[in-house]
Amino acid sequence: MNSTPPEGPRQPDGPDESGRAAGPARSHRETEGTRDAAPRGSRGPRGSGELGDSSGSGEEPGPKEFGASTSGPSAKADTDESGEPSGTAEPADTAESSESAKSSESSESSKSSKSSKSSKTPNSPGSNGSSAEDGIRFALGTLTVLPVDVPRWDRESARRGMEWAPLAGLLVGLAAAAAGLLALLLGTSALLAAVVSVAVPAVLTRALHLDGLADVADGLGSAKPAGEALRIMKRSDIGPFGVLTLVLTLLAQVAVVNELYSEGGWPHGALAVVVAAVTARTAITLAARSDVAAARTEGLGALVAGTVPVRTAAIVAAGVAVVSALAGALVNWWNPVFGAVSYLFAVVLGLAAAELLSQHCRRRFGGVTGDVFGALAECAATAALVVLAFG
């Protein structure tokens, strides 16, 4: 009876179904046991393409469950032991990542567009794109009673407005000259026509410049320190210095315009009224230059003080002087040189008188205020008219 010798442990002839060589120390069943014993949420052996799960189902949890998306080599479609794809969630993860990236980009672009729009808002403090229209509106809205909408109320608009201040003076002067002409055509005397021409600028400015002149006269006449003098200027009543200054100023303006209407005729008197009004607002432009500080931290004076560059203020003043000289030459066509020199001197000396008053106010008050701006306008207008009277 032939006995067959016992067979030893069978050696595997080749790789198992998973494509790996099975060593003698680990059988296929042991490998499965090791894989099943892996903790939940950990990845199995390299190449299996499965996340370890205690249920042994071999299904990979989606990225929502773990709060992260798969990426890199682990996101590739692996194969299990049977050679079939393990069904990883790469397409879903890629689409979800792409959608989230697109949404984040769209939200960032929306925020940037909103921020750029808000930075271009006219009333934004950081915006500096004030246009000439904004400046004209600011000048007419603050220096006249004309019903002009002022959309911007900031330093940049104040700068442009003060640069366009002579334009407001031109409109006021033309209205005053037209009123004087109407009075003369109605048969009134030159004196009454002069009173009308002087009254029109007061009406078109709500008498704010005259009120400022009276307040500055009271403040300077009080001989008090700067702080107390500024408090006196803010009072609603007018002191004796203010009353006296108003009376003398208005008398001088009426007397000069009356003389010009009587001797030079309406054209000469009308041009004098217009040039005086423009010179008055040019003095405001010069007083708002960048080297002039404000005496208070609030009010219109604080808003416009120090806004106009010195060079721009000088250019505006020079332009007003040249245009006034040309107009004087045209009105005095029989002696154009005399007419040009007369009106040129009127503008220059009017602005010089206002500058002297401005320097005195800055020494006494520590800067300029809204009242000081009004006083400078009346001072420049009166001085220009007096110079023309001598001519």
Protein backbone atom coordinates (compact mmCIF):
# COMPACT_ATOMS: atom_id res chain seq x y z
CA MET A 1 0.00 0.00 0.00
CA ASN A 2 1.57 3.08 -1.24
CA SER A 3 1.36 6.05 1.06
CA THR A 4 1.57 9.51 -0.26
CA PRO A 5 3.88 11.81 1.62
CA PRO A 6 2.13 14.75 3.32
CA GLU A 7 2.15 17.87 1.38
CA GLY A 8 3.74 20.94 2.85
CA PRO A 9 2.29 24.42 2.82
CA ARG A 10 1.24 25.34 -0.64
CA GLN A 11 3.23 28.18 -2.10
CA PRO A 12 1.32 30.61 -4.29
CA ASP A 13 2.28 30.38 -7.89
CA GLY A 14 1.70 34.06 -8.70
CA PRO A 15 -0.03 37.19 -7.67
CA ASP A 16 -3.45 36.98 -6.10
CA GLU A 17 -6.55 38.68 -7.43
CA SER A 18 -5.52 42.05 -6.11
CA GLY A 19 -2.36 41.95 -8.17
CA ARG A 20 0.04 41.59 -5.22
CA ALA A 21 2.33 38.74 -4.40
CA ALA A 22 1.03 36.92 -1.34
CA GLY A 23 3.88 36.11 1.03
CA PRO A 24 3.95 33.03 3.21
CA ALA A 25 3.31 35.03 6.39
CA ARG A 26 0.01 36.64 5.27
CA SER A 27 -2.86 34.86 3.67
CA HIS A 28 -5.69 36.43 1.79
CA ARG A 29 -8.01 35.99 4.76
CA GLU A 30 -5.53 37.64 7.12
CA THR A 31 -5.24 40.59 4.75
CA GLU A 32 -8.99 41.00 4.81
CA GLY A 33 -9.00 40.82 8.58
CA THR A 34 -6.36 43.48 8.81
CA ARG A 35 -8.25 45.68 6.41
CA ASP A 36 -11.53 45.20 8.26
CA ALA A 37 -9.86 46.07 11.54
CA ALA A 38 -8.71 49.47 10.30
CA PRO A 39 -10.34 52.33 12.14
CA ARG A 40 -13.21 54.17 10.49
CA GLY A 41 -12.12 57.18 8.50
CA SER A 42 -8.57 55.93 7.83
CA ARG A 43 -7.38 54.96 4.41
CA GLY A 44 -6.68 51.32 3.68
CA PRO A 45 -3.57 49.84 2.12
CA ARG A 46 -2.05 51.78 -0.71
CA GLY A 47 -3.68 50.86 -3.98
CA SER A 48 -7.00 49.77 -2.48
CA GLY A 49 -8.66 53.15 -3.17
CA GLU A 50 -11.02 52.67 -0.18
CA LEU A 51 -11.55 54.49 3.10
CA GLY A 52 -11.48 52.15 6.01
CA ASP A 53 -14.91 51.44 7.50
CA SER A 54 -15.82 49.04 10.30
CA SER A 55 -18.78 47.77 8.28
CA GLY A 56 -16.45 46.44 5.62
CA SER A 57 -18.72 47.75 2.88
CA GLY A 58 -15.79 49.38 1.09
CA GLU A 59 -17.84 52.53 0.28
CA GLU A 60 -16.01 55.81 0.58
CA PRO A 61 -17.79 58.57 2.52
CA GLY A 62 -18.43 61.72 0.53
CA PRO A 63 -16.51 64.93 1.14
CA LYS A 64 -19.51 66.55 2.90
CA GLU A 65 -19.32 64.05 5.71
CA PHE A 66 -15.67 64.80 6.44
CA GLY A 67 -15.81 68.49 5.67
CA ALA A 68 -13.05 68.34 3.03
CA SER A 69 -12.69 67.42 -0.56
CA THR A 70 -10.28 64.77 -1.82
CA SER A 71 -7.36 66.00 -3.83
CA GLY A 72 -4.00 64.85 -5.12
CA PRO A 73 -3.15 61.18 -5.74
CA SER A 74 -5.81 59.86 -3.35
CA ALA A 75 -8.51 61.42 -5.51
CA LYS A 76 -7.69 59.19 -8.47
CA ALA A 77 -9.90 56.28 -9.34
CA ASP A 78 -8.21 53.26 -7.72
CA THR A 79 -9.14 49.62 -8.09
CA ASP A 80 -10.06 47.16 -5.37
CA GLU A 81 -8.94 43.57 -5.12
CA SER A 82 -11.34 42.43 -7.79
CA GLY A 83 -9.84 44.90 -10.26
CA GLU A 84 -13.03 47.00 -10.43
CA PRO A 85 -13.02 50.74 -9.76
CA SER A 86 -13.82 51.58 -6.17
CA GLY A 87 -16.13 54.48 -7.14
CA THR A 88 -14.38 57.51 -5.66
CA ALA A 89 -16.18 60.91 -5.61
CA GLU A 90 -13.69 62.79 -7.77
CA PRO A 91 -16.20 64.24 -10.30
CA ALA A 92 -18.47 65.54 -7.54
CA ASP A 93 -15.52 66.99 -5.62
CA THR A 94 -14.15 68.70 -8.72
CA ALA A 95 -17.50 70.20 -9.67
CA GLU A 96 -18.15 71.36 -6.12
CA SER A 97 -14.68 72.95 -5.88
CA SER A 98 -15.19 74.65 -9.25
CA GLU A 99 -18.60 76.01 -8.20
CA SER A 100 -17.24 77.30 -4.90
CA ALA A 101 -14.29 78.97 -6.66
CA LYS A 102 -16.65 80.64 -9.15
CA SER A 103 -18.96 81.84 -6.40
CA SER A 104 -16.04 83.25 -4.39
CA GLU A 105 -14.69 85.03 -7.48
CA SER A 106 -18.11 86.49 -8.28
CA SER A 107 -18.57 87.67 -4.68
CA GLU A 108 -15.12 89.27 -4.65
CA SER A 109 -15.76 91.02 -7.98
CA SER A 110 -19.14 92.20 -6.67
CA LYS A 111 -17.53 93.59 -3.52
CA SER A 112 -14.78 95.31 -5.50
CA SER A 113 -17.31 96.87 -7.88
CA LYS A 114 -19.39 98.09 -4.95
CA SER A 115 -16.34 99.53 -3.24
CA SER A 116 -15.25 101.27 -6.43
CA LYS A 117 -18.73 102.74 -6.87
CA SER A 118 -18.80 103.91 -3.29
CA SER A 119 -15.37 105.48 -3.66
CA LYS A 120 -16.71 107.49 -6.61
CA THR A 121 -19.73 108.76 -4.68
CA PRO A 122 -19.70 112.56 -4.81
CA ASN A 123 -20.16 112.99 -1.07
CA SER A 124 -17.43 110.58 -0.18
CA PRO A 125 -14.70 112.27 1.87
CA GLY A 126 -11.95 110.56 0.04
CA SER A 127 -13.18 111.43 -3.39
CA ASN A 128 -11.40 114.30 -5.14
CA GLY A 129 -13.08 114.38 -8.56
CA SER A 130 -14.99 117.63 -8.05
CA SER A 131 -16.02 119.10 -11.40
CA ALA A 132 -16.38 122.68 -12.56
CA GLU A 133 -20.15 122.29 -12.30
CA ASP A 134 -19.80 121.33 -8.63
CA GLY A 135 -17.68 124.42 -8.06
CA ILE A 136 -20.14 126.74 -9.80
CA ARG A 137 -23.03 125.29 -7.83
CA PHE A 138 -21.11 125.69 -4.60
CA ALA A 139 -20.21 129.31 -5.41
CA LEU A 140 -23.74 130.29 -6.38
CA GLY A 141 -25.30 128.35 -3.51
CA THR A 142 -23.12 129.94 -0.82
CA LEU A 143 -22.52 133.44 -2.20
CA THR A 144 -25.99 134.22 -3.60
CA VAL A 145 -29.65 133.56 -2.85
CA LEU A 146 -30.16 131.83 -6.18
CA PRO A 147 -32.02 128.50 -5.78
CA VAL A 148 -29.09 126.31 -6.75
CA ASP A 149 -28.77 122.73 -5.54
CA VAL A 150 -25.37 122.07 -3.96
CA PRO A 151 -24.87 118.27 -4.21
CA ARG A 152 -21.43 118.27 -2.60
CA TRP A 153 -20.45 119.88 0.68
CA ASP A 154 -16.82 119.02 1.21
CA ARG A 155 -13.38 120.61 1.03
CA GLU A 156 -12.83 119.72 -2.60
CA SER A 157 -16.10 121.32 -3.69
CA ALA A 158 -15.31 124.32 -1.49
CA ARG A 159 -12.01 124.74 -3.31
CA ARG A 160 -13.68 124.69 -6.70
CA GLY A 161 -16.41 126.98 -5.43
CA MET A 162 -13.96 129.59 -4.21
CA GLU A 163 -12.15 129.43 -7.53
CA TRP A 164 -15.46 130.23 -9.26
CA ALA A 165 -16.43 132.95 -6.77
CA PRO A 166 -15.81 135.80 -9.30
CA LEU A 167 -18.51 134.26 -11.49
CA ALA A 168 -21.03 134.74 -8.69
CA GLY A 169 -19.85 138.35 -8.43
CA LEU A 170 -20.34 138.80 -12.16
CA LEU A 171 -23.97 137.67 -11.95
CA VAL A 172 -24.65 139.89 -8.94
CA GLY A 173 -22.98 142.88 -10.64
CA LEU A 174 -24.94 142.41 -13.85
CA ALA A 175 -28.19 142.28 -11.89
CA ALA A 176 -27.25 145.47 -10.03
CA ALA A 177 -26.33 147.25 -13.27
CA ALA A 178 -29.58 146.14 -14.91
CA ALA A 179 -31.59 147.42 -11.94
CA GLY A 180 -29.81 150.77 -12.15
CA LEU A 181 -30.52 151.00 -15.87
CA LEU A 182 -34.17 150.21 -15.28
CA ALA A 183 -34.37 152.96 -12.66
CA LEU A 184 -32.80 155.47 -15.03
CA LEU A 185 -35.11 154.47 -17.87
CA LEU A 186 -38.08 155.01 -15.58
CA GLY A 187 -36.97 158.60 -15.14
CA THR A 188 -35.48 158.47 -11.65
CA SER A 189 -32.51 160.51 -10.58
CA ALA A 190 -28.96 159.23 -10.66
CA LEU A 191 -28.96 159.18 -6.86
CA LEU A 192 -31.96 156.88 -6.65
CA ALA A 193 -30.54 154.67 -9.38
CA ALA A 194 -27.33 154.44 -7.35
CA VAL A 195 -29.28 153.41 -4.26
CA VAL A 196 -31.01 150.69 -6.27
CA SER A 197 -27.71 149.44 -7.68
CA VAL A 198 -26.20 149.24 -4.19
CA ALA A 199 -29.29 147.56 -2.71
CA VAL A 200 -29.44 144.75 -5.26
CA PRO A 201 -26.19 143.03 -4.17
CA ALA A 202 -27.35 143.19 -0.55
CA VAL A 203 -30.63 141.51 -1.51
CA LEU A 204 -28.96 138.84 -3.67
CA THR A 205 -26.59 137.89 -0.84
CA ARG A 206 -29.12 138.12 2.03
CA ALA A 207 -26.92 140.96 3.31
CA LEU A 208 -24.51 138.32 4.63
CA HIS A 209 -21.46 140.28 3.52
CA LEU A 210 -22.73 143.44 5.20
CA ASP A 211 -23.51 141.44 8.34
CA GLY A 212 -19.99 140.03 8.31
CA LEU A 213 -18.57 143.51 7.93
CA ALA A 214 -20.50 144.71 10.97
CA ASP A 215 -19.47 141.70 13.07
CA VAL A 216 -15.80 142.11 12.18
CA ALA A 217 -15.99 145.81 13.06
CA ASP A 218 -17.44 144.92 16.47
CA GLY A 219 -14.79 142.26 17.05
CA LEU A 220 -11.90 144.48 16.08
CA GLY A 221 -13.31 147.48 17.92
CA SER A 222 -13.73 145.55 21.16
CA ALA A 223 -9.94 145.33 21.66
CA LYS A 224 -10.52 141.98 23.36
CA PRO A 225 -8.38 138.83 23.06
CA ALA A 226 -9.04 136.57 20.10
CA GLY A 227 -11.35 134.14 21.89
CA GLU A 228 -13.58 136.83 23.36
CA ALA A 229 -13.56 138.84 20.14
CA LEU A 230 -14.79 135.77 18.24
CA ARG A 231 -17.60 135.33 20.76
CA ILE A 232 -18.61 138.97 20.24
CA MET A 233 -18.71 138.40 16.49
CA LYS A 234 -21.11 135.46 16.93
CA ARG A 235 -23.71 137.55 18.73
CA SER A 236 -26.87 138.38 16.85
CA ASP A 237 -26.86 142.06 17.84
CA ILE A 238 -24.73 144.78 16.25
CA GLY A 239 -22.59 147.09 18.33
CA PRO A 240 -21.75 150.76 17.70
CA PHE A 241 -18.64 149.92 15.68
CA GLY A 242 -20.67 147.71 13.38
CA VAL A 243 -23.39 150.31 12.84
CA LEU A 244 -20.92 153.08 12.09
CA THR A 245 -18.98 150.89 9.64
CA LEU A 246 -22.14 149.87 7.80
CA VAL A 247 -23.37 153.44 7.43
CA LEU A 248 -20.07 154.77 6.14
CA THR A 249 -19.58 151.86 3.72
CA LEU A 250 -23.05 152.16 2.18
CA LEU A 251 -22.78 155.94 1.93
CA ALA A 252 -19.45 155.65 0.12
CA GLN A 253 -20.81 153.09 -2.35
CA VAL A 254 -23.95 155.13 -3.12
CA ALA A 255 -21.96 158.35 -3.51
CA VAL A 256 -19.50 156.84 -5.99
CA VAL A 257 -22.15 155.11 -8.11
CA ASN A 258 -24.23 158.31 -8.14
CA GLU A 259 -21.24 160.30 -9.38
CA LEU A 260 -20.45 157.75 -12.07
CA TYR A 261 -24.07 157.66 -13.26
CA SER A 262 -24.22 161.45 -13.34
CA GLU A 263 -20.91 162.24 -15.07
CA GLY A 264 -19.99 159.16 -17.04
CA GLY A 265 -23.46 157.95 -17.93
CA TRP A 266 -24.99 154.55 -17.37
CA PRO A 267 -22.29 152.52 -19.21
CA HIS A 268 -19.50 153.85 -17.01
CA GLY A 269 -21.51 153.50 -13.79
CA ALA A 270 -22.79 150.04 -14.74
CA LEU A 271 -19.28 148.77 -15.51
CA ALA A 272 -18.08 150.16 -12.19
CA VAL A 273 -20.84 148.28 -10.34
CA VAL A 274 -19.97 145.02 -12.14
CA VAL A 275 -16.22 145.36 -11.60
CA ALA A 276 -16.74 146.16 -7.91
CA ALA A 277 -18.91 143.05 -7.44
CA VAL A 278 -16.38 140.80 -9.22
CA THR A 279 -13.48 142.31 -7.24
CA ALA A 280 -15.35 141.64 -4.00
CA ARG A 281 -15.68 137.91 -4.75
CA THR A 282 -12.10 137.74 -6.00
CA ALA A 283 -11.01 138.96 -2.57
CA ILE A 284 -12.82 135.91 -1.14
CA THR A 285 -10.85 133.66 -3.49
CA LEU A 286 -7.58 135.19 -2.30
CA ALA A 287 -8.62 134.87 1.35
CA ALA A 288 -9.33 131.15 0.85
CA ARG A 289 -5.83 130.35 -0.38
CA SER A 290 -3.88 127.54 1.21
CA ASP A 291 -1.60 129.70 3.37
CA VAL A 292 -4.53 131.26 5.28
CA ALA A 293 -5.78 129.35 8.32
CA ALA A 294 -9.26 129.29 9.83
CA ALA A 295 -9.93 130.90 13.20
CA ARG A 296 -12.62 128.34 14.10
CA THR A 297 -13.02 124.64 13.52
CA GLU A 298 -16.65 124.84 12.44
CA GLY A 299 -18.75 126.93 10.11
CA LEU A 300 -18.50 127.91 6.46
CA GLY A 301 -15.25 129.79 7.06
CA ALA A 302 -13.56 126.65 8.35
CA LEU A 303 -14.84 124.68 5.34
CA VAL A 304 -13.42 127.02 2.69
CA ALA A 305 -10.35 128.42 4.45
CA GLY A 306 -7.06 127.12 3.07
CA THR A 307 -8.61 125.27 0.12
CA VAL A 308 -7.43 127.29 -2.89
CA PRO A 309 -3.79 126.84 -3.96
CA VAL A 310 -1.80 130.08 -3.87
CA ARG A 311 -0.95 129.83 -7.56
CA THR A 312 -4.58 129.32 -8.53
CA ALA A 313 -5.69 132.29 -6.44
CA ALA A 314 -3.06 134.48 -8.09
CA ILE A 315 -4.13 133.35 -11.56
CA VAL A 316 -7.78 134.12 -10.80
CA ALA A 317 -6.90 137.58 -9.48
CA ALA A 318 -4.69 138.34 -12.48
CA GLY A 319 -7.40 137.21 -14.87
CA VAL A 320 -9.99 139.44 -13.22
CA ALA A 321 -7.63 142.43 -13.38
CA VAL A 322 -6.85 141.91 -17.07
CA VAL A 323 -10.48 141.42 -18.09
CA SER A 324 -11.53 144.49 -16.10
CA ALA A 325 -8.84 146.56 -17.80
CA LEU A 326 -10.04 145.44 -21.24
CA ALA A 327 -13.62 146.29 -20.33
CA GLY A 328 -12.52 149.73 -19.13
CA ALA A 329 -10.76 150.35 -22.43
CA LEU A 330 -13.93 149.45 -24.34
CA VAL A 331 -16.21 151.68 -22.26
CA ASN A 332 -13.76 154.60 -22.49
CA TRP A 333 -13.23 154.08 -26.20
CA TRP A 334 -12.23 157.72 -26.75
CA ASN A 335 -9.35 157.22 -24.30
CA PRO A 336 -8.83 153.46 -23.97
CA VAL A 337 -5.50 153.64 -22.18
CA PHE A 338 -6.92 155.80 -19.43
CA GLY A 339 -9.94 153.54 -19.09
CA ALA A 340 -7.81 150.39 -18.93
CA VAL A 341 -5.44 151.84 -16.34
CA SER A 342 -8.33 153.15 -14.21
CA TYR A 343 -10.08 149.80 -13.96
CA LEU A 344 -6.82 147.92 -13.55
CA PHE A 345 -5.92 150.12 -10.61
CA ALA A 346 -9.41 149.76 -9.19
CA VAL A 347 -9.11 145.97 -9.07
CA VAL A 348 -5.54 145.91 -7.79
CA LEU A 349 -6.08 148.47 -5.06
CA GLY A 350 -9.38 146.93 -4.05
CA LEU A 351 -7.74 143.53 -3.59
CA ALA A 352 -4.81 145.18 -1.77
CA ALA A 353 -7.18 146.85 0.71
CA ALA A 354 -8.90 143.53 1.34
CA GLU A 355 -5.54 141.82 1.85
CA LEU A 356 -4.51 144.39 4.46
CA LEU A 357 -7.76 143.81 6.33
CA SER A 358 -7.27 140.04 6.04
CA GLN A 359 -3.80 140.23 7.56
CA HIS A 360 -5.07 142.36 10.43
CA CYS A 361 -7.91 139.93 11.13
CA ARG A 362 -5.53 136.98 11.10
CA ARG A 363 -3.31 138.67 13.64
CA ARG A 364 -6.23 139.56 15.89
CA PHE A 365 -8.41 136.44 15.53
CA GLY A 366 -5.81 133.80 14.67
CA GLY A 367 -7.35 133.17 11.26
CA VAL A 368 -10.35 133.89 9.08
CA THR A 369 -14.05 133.21 9.61
CA GLY A 370 -17.19 133.51 7.53
CA ASP A 371 -17.67 137.03 8.87
CA VAL A 372 -14.15 137.92 7.78
CA PHE A 373 -14.89 136.71 4.25
CA GLY A 374 -17.93 138.99 4.10
CA ALA A 375 -15.98 141.94 5.46
CA LEU A 376 -13.24 141.42 2.88
CA ALA A 377 -15.80 141.40 0.06
CA GLU A 378 -17.35 144.70 1.15
CA CYS A 379 -13.94 146.25 1.71
CA ALA A 380 -12.71 145.30 -1.77
CA ALA A 381 -15.89 146.51 -3.48
CA THR A 382 -15.86 149.86 -1.70
CA ALA A 383 -12.16 150.45 -2.34
CA ALA A 384 -12.54 149.66 -6.05
CA LEU A 385 -15.44 152.12 -6.36
CA VAL A 386 -13.52 154.88 -4.58
CA VAL A 387 -10.56 154.42 -6.93
CA LEU A 388 -12.89 154.75 -9.93
CA ALA A 389 -14.34 157.93 -8.45
CA PHE A 390 -10.90 159.50 -8.52
CA GLY A 391 -10.49 158.44 -12.10
